[in-house]
Amino acid sequence: MKVSDYASILKISPKKIAEVFGCCYNKKASELIADRRNLYAKRQLMHTDELIKNIAYELNFSDSQAFSHFFKKQNKMTPDEFRTNSKTV
């Protein structure tokens, strides 16, 4: 989801969301959304055996490749590598 999607749900402007997040968190709203999506993905990968493609769809990615690209950018490893590493720790 995009900042504008959340703004629509909350019935406020994207600009207002940007102001609040910038003031309170010193991060862009889009960065916080990405952080939350990443955290959810990591929890799902660590604590469930859910297929990666299903996690991708839960997080509203168009496909598992888009999710894998996002996840690798955030964590410097693929979702599969993360799941394997988290189970060996």
PDB file of N, CA and C in Angstrom:
ATOM      1  N   MET A   1       0.837  -1.186   0.000  1.00  0.00           N
ATOM      2  CA  MET A   1       0.000   0.000   0.000  1.00  0.00           C
ATOM      3  C   MET A   1       0.880   1.245   0.000  1.00  0.00           C
ATOM      4  N   LYS A   2       0.334   2.278  -0.545  1.00  0.00           N
ATOM      5  CA  LYS A   2       1.042   3.550  -0.632  1.00  0.00           C
ATOM      6  C   LYS A   2       0.522   4.487   0.450  1.00  0.00           C
ATOM      7  N   VAL A   3       1.255   5.569   0.660  1.00  0.00           N
ATOM      8  CA  VAL A   3       0.832   6.589   1.622  1.00  0.00           C
ATOM      9  C   VAL A   3      -0.552   7.105   1.246  1.00  0.00           C
ATOM     10  N   SER A   4      -0.792   7.284  -0.020  1.00  0.00           N
ATOM     11  CA  SER A   4      -2.094   7.791  -0.467  1.00  0.00           C
ATOM     12  C   SER A   4      -3.223   6.815  -0.135  1.00  0.00           C
ATOM     13  N   ASP A   5      -2.939   5.510  -0.133  1.00  0.00           N
ATOM     14  CA  ASP A   5      -3.947   4.518   0.248  1.00  0.00           C
ATOM     15  C   ASP A   5      -4.331   4.682   1.715  1.00  0.00           C
ATOM     16  N   TYR A   6      -3.320   4.842   2.563  1.00  0.00           N
ATOM     17  CA  TYR A   6      -3.593   5.051   3.990  1.00  0.00           C
ATOM     18  C   TYR A   6      -4.309   6.379   4.218  1.00  0.00           C
ATOM     19  N   ALA A   7      -3.918   7.390   3.480  1.00  0.00           N
ATOM     20  CA  ALA A   7      -4.574   8.695   3.598  1.00  0.00           C
ATOM     21  C   ALA A   7      -6.051   8.570   3.257  1.00  0.00           C
ATOM     22  N   SER A   8      -6.359   7.832   2.239  1.00  0.00           N
ATOM     23  CA  SER A   8      -7.742   7.625   1.836  1.00  0.00           C
ATOM     24  C   SER A   8      -8.523   6.901   2.927  1.00  0.00           C
ATOM     25  N   ILE A   9      -7.936   5.871   3.495  1.00  0.00           N
ATOM     26  CA  ILE A   9      -8.586   5.114   4.570  1.00  0.00           C
ATOM     27  C   ILE A   9      -8.840   6.007   5.781  1.00  0.00           C
ATOM     28  N   LEU A  10      -7.844   6.824   6.117  1.00  0.00           N
ATOM     29  CA  LEU A  10      -7.949   7.697   7.293  1.00  0.00           C
ATOM     30  C   LEU A  10      -8.704   8.992   7.016  1.00  0.00           C
ATOM     31  N   LYS A  11      -9.024   9.209   5.741  1.00  0.00           N
ATOM     32  CA  LYS A  11      -9.730  10.414   5.306  1.00  0.00           C
ATOM     33  C   LYS A  11      -8.979  11.709   5.670  1.00  0.00           C
ATOM     34  N   ILE A  12      -7.662  11.641   5.410  1.00  0.00           N
ATOM     35  CA  ILE A  12      -6.818  12.828   5.538  1.00  0.00           C
ATOM     36  C   ILE A  12      -5.927  12.889   4.311  1.00  0.00           C
ATOM     37  N   SER A  13      -5.258  13.994   4.142  1.00  0.00           N
ATOM     38  CA  SER A  13      -4.419  14.151   2.954  1.00  0.00           C
ATOM     39  C   SER A  13      -3.068  13.448   3.142  1.00  0.00           C
ATOM     40  N   PRO A  14      -2.461  13.015   2.041  1.00  0.00           N
ATOM     41  CA  PRO A  14      -1.115  12.442   2.127  1.00  0.00           C
ATOM     42  C   PRO A  14      -0.116  13.436   2.717  1.00  0.00           C
ATOM     43  N   LYS A  15      -0.344  14.713   2.446  1.00  0.00           N
ATOM     44  CA  LYS A  15       0.543  15.743   2.989  1.00  0.00           C
ATOM     45  C   LYS A  15       0.479  15.768   4.517  1.00  0.00           C
ATOM     46  N   LYS A  16      -0.716  15.609   5.073  1.00  0.00           N
ATOM     47  CA  LYS A  16      -0.879  15.598   6.529  1.00  0.00           C
ATOM     48  C   LYS A  16      -0.172  14.389   7.137  1.00  0.00           C
ATOM     49  N   ILE A  17      -0.299  13.249   6.480  1.00  0.00           N
ATOM     50  CA  ILE A  17       0.415  12.062   6.956  1.00  0.00           C
ATOM     51  C   ILE A  17       1.917  12.315   6.956  1.00  0.00           C
ATOM     52  N   ALA A  18       2.414  12.914   5.892  1.00  0.00           N
ATOM     53  CA  ALA A  18       3.848  13.223   5.797  1.00  0.00           C
ATOM     54  C   ALA A  18       4.282  14.151   6.921  1.00  0.00           C
ATOM     55  N   GLU A  19       3.472  15.150   7.227  1.00  0.00           N
ATOM     56  CA  GLU A  19       3.789  16.086   8.313  1.00  0.00           C
ATOM     57  C   GLU A  19       3.867  15.366   9.653  1.00  0.00           C
ATOM     58  N   VAL A  20       2.876  14.549   9.945  1.00  0.00           N
ATOM     59  CA  VAL A  20       2.822  13.849  11.231  1.00  0.00           C
ATOM     60  C   VAL A  20       3.998  12.886  11.382  1.00  0.00           C
ATOM     61  N   PHE A  21       4.240  12.085  10.352  1.00  0.00           N
ATOM     62  CA  PHE A  21       5.326  11.127  10.438  1.00  0.00           C
ATOM     63  C   PHE A  21       6.684  11.824  10.512  1.00  0.00           C
ATOM     64  N   GLY A  22       6.855  12.872   9.748  1.00  0.00           N
ATOM     65  CA  GLY A  22       8.115  13.609   9.777  1.00  0.00           C
ATOM     66  C   GLY A  22       8.371  14.229  11.134  1.00  0.00           C
ATOM     67  N   CYS A  23       7.339  14.760  11.737  1.00  0.00           N
ATOM     68  CA  CYS A  23       7.440  15.406  13.039  1.00  0.00           C
ATOM     69  C   CYS A  23       7.694  14.399  14.156  1.00  0.00           C
ATOM     70  N   CYS A  24       6.951  13.327  14.141  1.00  0.00           N
ATOM     71  CA  CYS A  24       6.975  12.371  15.259  1.00  0.00           C
ATOM     72  C   CYS A  24       8.037  11.288  15.141  1.00  0.00           C
ATOM     73  N   TYR A  25       8.381  10.897  13.943  1.00  0.00           N
ATOM     74  CA  TYR A  25       9.265   9.747  13.762  1.00  0.00           C
ATOM     75  C   TYR A  25      10.572  10.060  13.042  1.00  0.00           C
ATOM     76  N   ASN A  26      10.711  11.264  12.534  1.00  0.00           N
ATOM     77  CA  ASN A  26      11.900  11.637  11.761  1.00  0.00           C
ATOM     78  C   ASN A  26      12.156  10.680  10.596  1.00  0.00           C
ATOM     79  N   LYS A  27      11.096  10.150  10.042  1.00  0.00           N
ATOM     80  CA  LYS A  27      11.166   9.290   8.865  1.00  0.00           C
ATOM     81  C   LYS A  27      10.016   9.655   7.953  1.00  0.00           C
ATOM     82  N   LYS A  28      10.179   9.312   6.692  1.00  0.00           N
ATOM     83  CA  LYS A  28       9.077   9.483   5.753  1.00  0.00           C
ATOM     84  C   LYS A  28       8.032   8.404   6.022  1.00  0.00           C
ATOM     85  N   ALA A  29       6.787   8.738   5.738  1.00  0.00           N
ATOM     86  CA  ALA A  29       5.708   7.766   5.920  1.00  0.00           C
ATOM     87  C   ALA A  29       5.972   6.517   5.091  1.00  0.00           C
ATOM     88  N   SER A  30       6.468   6.681   3.891  1.00  0.00           N
ATOM     89  CA  SER A  30       6.748   5.526   3.032  1.00  0.00           C
ATOM     90  C   SER A  30       7.822   4.619   3.643  1.00  0.00           C
ATOM     91  N   GLU A  31       8.783   5.212   4.347  1.00  0.00           N
ATOM     92  CA  GLU A  31       9.820   4.416   5.010  1.00  0.00           C
ATOM     93  C   GLU A  31       9.230   3.609   6.162  1.00  0.00           C
ATOM     94  N   LEU A  32       8.339   4.226   6.913  1.00  0.00           N
ATOM     95  CA  LEU A  32       7.701   3.504   8.013  1.00  0.00           C
ATOM     96  C   LEU A  32       6.800   2.385   7.510  1.00  0.00           C
ATOM     97  N   ILE A  33       6.107   2.626   6.424  1.00  0.00           N
ATOM     98  CA  ILE A  33       5.279   1.581   5.832  1.00  0.00           C
ATOM     99  C   ILE A  33       6.168   0.415   5.388  1.00  0.00           C
ATOM    100  N   ALA A  34       7.268   0.728   4.746  1.00  0.00           N
ATOM    101  CA  ALA A  34       8.204  -0.317   4.306  1.00  0.00           C
ATOM    102  C   ALA A  34       8.771  -1.070   5.510  1.00  0.00           C
ATOM    103  N   ASP A  35       9.098  -0.352   6.578  1.00  0.00           N
ATOM    104  CA  ASP A  35       9.616  -0.996   7.795  1.00  0.00           C
ATOM    105  C   ASP A  35       8.605  -1.976   8.381  1.00  0.00           C
ATOM    106  N   ARG A  36       7.346  -1.577   8.429  1.00  0.00           N
ATOM    107  CA  ARG A  36       6.297  -2.438   8.985  1.00  0.00           C
ATOM    108  C   ARG A  36       6.062  -3.660   8.094  1.00  0.00           C
ATOM    109  N   ARG A  37       6.060  -3.450   6.796  1.00  0.00           N
ATOM    110  CA  ARG A  37       5.895  -4.579   5.873  1.00  0.00           C
ATOM    111  C   ARG A  37       7.052  -5.561   6.039  1.00  0.00           C
ATOM    112  N   ASN A  38       8.241  -5.024   6.173  1.00  0.00           N
ATOM    113  CA  ASN A  38       9.424  -5.849   6.341  1.00  0.00           C
ATOM    114  C   ASN A  38       9.353  -6.628   7.656  1.00  0.00           C
ATOM    115  N   LEU A  39       8.955  -5.966   8.720  1.00  0.00           N
ATOM    116  CA  LEU A  39       8.845  -6.626  10.016  1.00  0.00           C
ATOM    117  C   LEU A  39       7.822  -7.763   9.955  1.00  0.00           C
ATOM    118  N   TYR A  40       6.672  -7.504   9.338  1.00  0.00           N
ATOM    119  CA  TYR A  40       5.651  -8.535   9.201  1.00  0.00           C
ATOM    120  C   TYR A  40       6.189  -9.716   8.395  1.00  0.00           C
ATOM    121  N   ALA A  41       6.869  -9.414   7.306  1.00  0.00           N
ATOM    122  CA  ALA A  41       7.425 -10.476   6.465  1.00  0.00           C
ATOM    123  C   ALA A  41       8.425 -11.321   7.250  1.00  0.00           C
ATOM    124  N   LYS A  42       9.294 -10.678   7.994  1.00  0.00           N
ATOM    125  CA  LYS A  42      10.288 -11.403   8.779  1.00  0.00           C
ATOM    126  C   LYS A  42       9.630 -12.295   9.821  1.00  0.00           C
ATOM    127  N   ARG A  43       8.599 -11.781  10.473  1.00  0.00           N
ATOM    128  CA  ARG A  43       7.887 -12.592  11.470  1.00  0.00           C
ATOM    129  C   ARG A  43       7.232 -13.803  10.819  1.00  0.00           C
ATOM    130  N   GLN A  44       6.604 -13.587   9.675  1.00  0.00           N
ATOM    131  CA  GLN A  44       5.960 -14.695   8.974  1.00  0.00           C
ATOM    132  C   GLN A  44       6.992 -15.743   8.551  1.00  0.00           C
ATOM    133  N   LEU A  45       8.122 -15.288   8.049  1.00  0.00           N
ATOM    134  CA  LEU A  45       9.159 -16.213   7.601  1.00  0.00           C
ATOM    135  C   LEU A  45       9.770 -16.991   8.762  1.00  0.00           C
ATOM    136  N   MET A  46       9.899 -16.344   9.903  1.00  0.00           N
ATOM    137  CA  MET A  46      10.502 -16.988  11.066  1.00  0.00           C
ATOM    138  C   MET A  46       9.547 -17.943  11.781  1.00  0.00           C
ATOM    139  N   HIS A  47       8.289 -17.567  11.869  1.00  0.00           N
ATOM    140  CA  HIS A  47       7.375 -18.279  12.761  1.00  0.00           C
ATOM    141  C   HIS A  47       6.301 -19.100  12.069  1.00  0.00           C
ATOM    142  N   THR A  48       6.291 -19.112  10.748  1.00  0.00           N
ATOM    143  CA  THR A  48       5.314 -19.930  10.031  1.00  0.00           C
ATOM    144  C   THR A  48       6.013 -20.669   8.899  1.00  0.00           C
ATOM    145  N   ASP A  49       5.298 -21.599   8.340  1.00  0.00           N
ATOM    146  CA  ASP A  49       5.779 -22.302   7.148  1.00  0.00           C
ATOM    147  C   ASP A  49       5.006 -21.843   5.919  1.00  0.00           C
ATOM    148  N   GLU A  50       4.395 -20.669   6.019  1.00  0.00           N
ATOM    149  CA  GLU A  50       3.608 -20.101   4.914  1.00  0.00           C
ATOM    150  C   GLU A  50       4.499 -19.944   3.680  1.00  0.00           C
ATOM    151  N   LEU A  51       3.941 -20.250   2.534  1.00  0.00           N
ATOM    152  CA  LEU A  51       4.689 -20.080   1.291  1.00  0.00           C
ATOM    153  C   LEU A  51       5.049 -18.612   1.089  1.00  0.00           C
ATOM    154  N   ILE A  52       6.210 -18.375   0.518  1.00  0.00           N
ATOM    155  CA  ILE A  52       6.670 -17.007   0.286  1.00  0.00           C
ATOM    156  C   ILE A  52       5.695 -16.265  -0.622  1.00  0.00           C
ATOM    157  N   LYS A  53       5.153 -16.932  -1.609  1.00  0.00           N
ATOM    158  CA  LYS A  53       4.209 -16.256  -2.501  1.00  0.00           C
ATOM    159  C   LYS A  53       2.956 -15.829  -1.741  1.00  0.00           C
ATOM    160  N   ASN A  54       2.530 -16.600  -0.742  1.00  0.00           N
ATOM    161  CA  ASN A  54       1.365 -16.213   0.054  1.00  0.00           C
ATOM    162  C   ASN A  54       1.660 -15.017   0.953  1.00  0.00           C
ATOM    163  N   ILE A  55       2.868 -14.972   1.502  1.00  0.00           N
ATOM    164  CA  ILE A  55       3.276 -13.815   2.301  1.00  0.00           C
ATOM    165  C   ILE A  55       3.300 -12.574   1.410  1.00  0.00           C
ATOM    166  N   ALA A  56       3.807 -12.727   0.212  1.00  0.00           N
ATOM    167  CA  ALA A  56       3.847 -11.614  -0.747  1.00  0.00           C
ATOM    168  C   ALA A  56       2.443 -11.078  -1.008  1.00  0.00           C
ATOM    169  N   TYR A  57       1.491 -11.962  -1.223  1.00  0.00           N
ATOM    170  CA  TYR A  57       0.114 -11.533  -1.495  1.00  0.00           C
ATOM    171  C   TYR A  57      -0.531 -10.906  -0.263  1.00  0.00           C
ATOM    172  N   GLU A  58      -0.238 -11.434   0.921  1.00  0.00           N
ATOM    173  CA  GLU A  58      -0.756 -10.839   2.158  1.00  0.00           C
ATOM    174  C   GLU A  58      -0.303  -9.390   2.306  1.00  0.00           C
ATOM    175  N   LEU A  59       0.911  -9.119   1.839  1.00  0.00           N
ATOM    176  CA  LEU A  59       1.484  -7.775   1.954  1.00  0.00           C
ATOM    177  C   LEU A  59       1.195  -6.911   0.731  1.00  0.00           C
ATOM    178  N   ASN A  60       0.305  -7.386  -0.131  1.00  0.00           N
ATOM    179  CA  ASN A  60      -0.141  -6.636  -1.311  1.00  0.00           C
ATOM    180  C   ASN A  60       0.939  -6.397  -2.356  1.00  0.00           C
ATOM    181  N   PHE A  61       1.878  -7.325  -2.486  1.00  0.00           N
ATOM    182  CA  PHE A  61       2.822  -7.252  -3.590  1.00  0.00           C
ATOM    183  C   PHE A  61       2.165  -7.881  -4.805  1.00  0.00           C
ATOM    184  N   SER A  62       2.516  -7.398  -5.976  1.00  0.00           N
ATOM    185  CA  SER A  62       1.895  -7.906  -7.205  1.00  0.00           C
ATOM    186  C   SER A  62       2.261  -9.361  -7.467  1.00  0.00           C
ATOM    187  N   ASP A  63       3.456  -9.759  -7.053  1.00  0.00           N
ATOM    188  CA  ASP A  63       3.877 -11.154  -7.201  1.00  0.00           C
ATOM    189  C   ASP A  63       5.049 -11.427  -6.264  1.00  0.00           C
ATOM    190  N   SER A  64       5.464 -12.678  -6.199  1.00  0.00           N
ATOM    191  CA  SER A  64       6.532 -13.047  -5.269  1.00  0.00           C
ATOM    192  C   SER A  64       7.882 -12.462  -5.673  1.00  0.00           C
ATOM    193  N   GLN A  65       8.079 -12.198  -6.965  1.00  0.00           N
ATOM    194  CA  GLN A  65       9.339 -11.581  -7.400  1.00  0.00           C
ATOM    195  C   GLN A  65       9.460 -10.149  -6.881  1.00  0.00           C
ATOM    196  N   ALA A  66       8.366  -9.398  -6.925  1.00  0.00           N
ATOM    197  CA  ALA A  66       8.387  -8.025  -6.405  1.00  0.00           C
ATOM    198  C   ALA A  66       8.659  -8.041  -4.908  1.00  0.00           C
ATOM    199  N   PHE A  67       8.044  -9.000  -4.204  1.00  0.00           N
ATOM    200  CA  PHE A  67       8.283  -9.141  -2.773  1.00  0.00           C
ATOM    201  C   PHE A  67       9.740  -9.494  -2.498  1.00  0.00           C
ATOM    202  N   SER A  68      10.279 -10.451  -3.245  1.00  0.00           N
ATOM    203  CA  SER A  68      11.669 -10.865  -3.046  1.00  0.00           C
ATOM    204  C   SER A  68      12.636  -9.714  -3.285  1.00  0.00           C
ATOM    205  N   HIS A  69      12.363  -8.907  -4.301  1.00  0.00           N
ATOM    206  CA  HIS A  69      13.195  -7.742  -4.580  1.00  0.00           C
ATOM    207  C   HIS A  69      13.147  -6.759  -3.403  1.00  0.00           C
ATOM    208  N   PHE A  70      11.945  -6.462  -2.923  1.00  0.00           N
ATOM    209  CA  PHE A  70      11.774  -5.574  -1.765  1.00  0.00           C
ATOM    210  C   PHE A  70      12.514  -6.139  -0.555  1.00  0.00           C
ATOM    211  N   PHE A  71      12.313  -7.422  -0.269  1.00  0.00           N
ATOM    212  CA  PHE A  71      12.900  -8.040   0.915  1.00  0.00           C
ATOM    213  C   PHE A  71      14.423  -8.029   0.845  1.00  0.00           C
ATOM    214  N   LYS A  72      14.959  -8.335  -0.318  1.00  0.00           N
ATOM    215  CA  LYS A  72      16.421  -8.347  -0.465  1.00  0.00           C
ATOM    216  C   LYS A  72      16.996  -6.943  -0.301  1.00  0.00           C
ATOM    217  N   LYS A  73      16.290  -5.951  -0.793  1.00  0.00           N
ATOM    218  CA  LYS A  73      16.739  -4.563  -0.643  1.00  0.00           C
ATOM    219  C   LYS A  73      16.753  -4.162   0.834  1.00  0.00           C
ATOM    220  N   GLN A  74      15.766  -4.608   1.582  1.00  0.00           N
ATOM    221  CA  GLN A  74      15.667  -4.268   2.998  1.00  0.00           C
ATOM    222  C   GLN A  74      16.652  -5.050   3.870  1.00  0.00           C
ATOM    223  N   ASN A  75      16.893  -6.319   3.532  1.00  0.00           N
ATOM    224  CA  ASN A  75      17.613  -7.226   4.433  1.00  0.00           C
ATOM    225  C   ASN A  75      18.909  -7.815   3.899  1.00  0.00           C
ATOM    226  N   LYS A  76      19.247  -7.475   2.656  1.00  0.00           N
ATOM    227  CA  LYS A  76      20.483  -7.960   2.022  1.00  0.00           C
ATOM    228  C   LYS A  76      20.506  -9.483   1.863  1.00  0.00           C
ATOM    229  N   MET A  77      19.331 -10.101   1.855  1.00  0.00           N
ATOM    230  CA  MET A  77      19.208 -11.530   1.567  1.00  0.00           C
ATOM    231  C   MET A  77      17.787 -11.812   1.099  1.00  0.00           C
ATOM    232  N   THR A  78      17.628 -12.925   0.409  1.00  0.00           N
ATOM    233  CA  THR A  78      16.301 -13.288  -0.096  1.00  0.00           C
ATOM    234  C   THR A  78      15.435 -13.783   1.062  1.00  0.00           C
ATOM    235  N   PRO A  79      14.120 -13.806   0.862  1.00  0.00           N
ATOM    236  CA  PRO A  79      13.247 -14.358   1.904  1.00  0.00           C
ATOM    237  C   PRO A  79      13.600 -15.811   2.252  1.00  0.00           C
ATOM    238  N   ASP A  80      13.934 -16.604   1.250  1.00  0.00           N
ATOM    239  CA  ASP A  80      14.292 -18.000   1.498  1.00  0.00           C
ATOM    240  C   ASP A  80      15.570 -18.103   2.327  1.00  0.00           C
ATOM    241  N   GLU A  81      16.567 -17.280   2.006  1.00  0.00           N
ATOM    242  CA  GLU A  81      17.813 -17.268   2.790  1.00  0.00           C
ATOM    243  C   GLU A  81      17.531 -16.837   4.229  1.00  0.00           C
ATOM    244  N   PHE A  82      16.682 -15.834   4.385  1.00  0.00           N
ATOM    245  CA  PHE A  82      16.329 -15.363   5.724  1.00  0.00           C
ATOM    246  C   PHE A  82      15.660 -16.479   6.523  1.00  0.00           C
ATOM    247  N   ARG A  83      14.705 -17.156   5.912  1.00  0.00           N
ATOM    248  CA  ARG A  83      13.977 -18.237   6.599  1.00  0.00           C
ATOM    249  C   ARG A  83      14.962 -19.340   7.002  1.00  0.00           C
ATOM    250  N   THR A  84      15.845 -19.722   6.108  1.00  0.00           N
ATOM    251  CA  THR A  84      16.825 -20.769   6.403  1.00  0.00           C
ATOM    252  C   THR A  84      17.735 -20.339   7.536  1.00  0.00           C
ATOM    253  N   ASN A  85      18.243 -19.122   7.481  1.00  0.00           N
ATOM    254  CA  ASN A  85      19.130 -18.618   8.530  1.00  0.00           C
ATOM    255  C   ASN A  85      18.431 -18.492   9.877  1.00  0.00           C
ATOM    256  N   SER A  86      17.175 -18.090   9.880  1.00  0.00           N
ATOM    257  CA  SER A  86      16.468 -17.895  11.145  1.00  0.00           C
ATOM    258  C   SER A  86      16.153 -19.227  11.819  1.00  0.00           C
ATOM    259  N   LYS A  87      16.053 -20.278  11.043  1.00  0.00           N
ATOM    260  CA  LYS A  87      15.764 -21.602  11.630  1.00  0.00           C
ATOM    261  C   LYS A  87      17.018 -22.292  12.150  1.00  0.00           C
ATOM    262  N   THR A  88      18.197 -21.832  11.722  1.00  0.00           N
ATOM    263  CA  THR A  88      19.436 -22.435  12.191  1.00  0.00           C
ATOM    264  C   THR A  88      19.981 -21.741  13.425  1.00  0.00           C
ATOM    265  N   VAL A  89      19.399 -20.598  13.759  1.00  0.00           N
ATOM    266  CA  VAL A  89      19.881 -19.822  14.912  1.00  0.00           C
ATOM    267  C   VAL A  89      19.246 -20.337  16.182  1.00  0.00           C
TER     268      VAL A  89
END
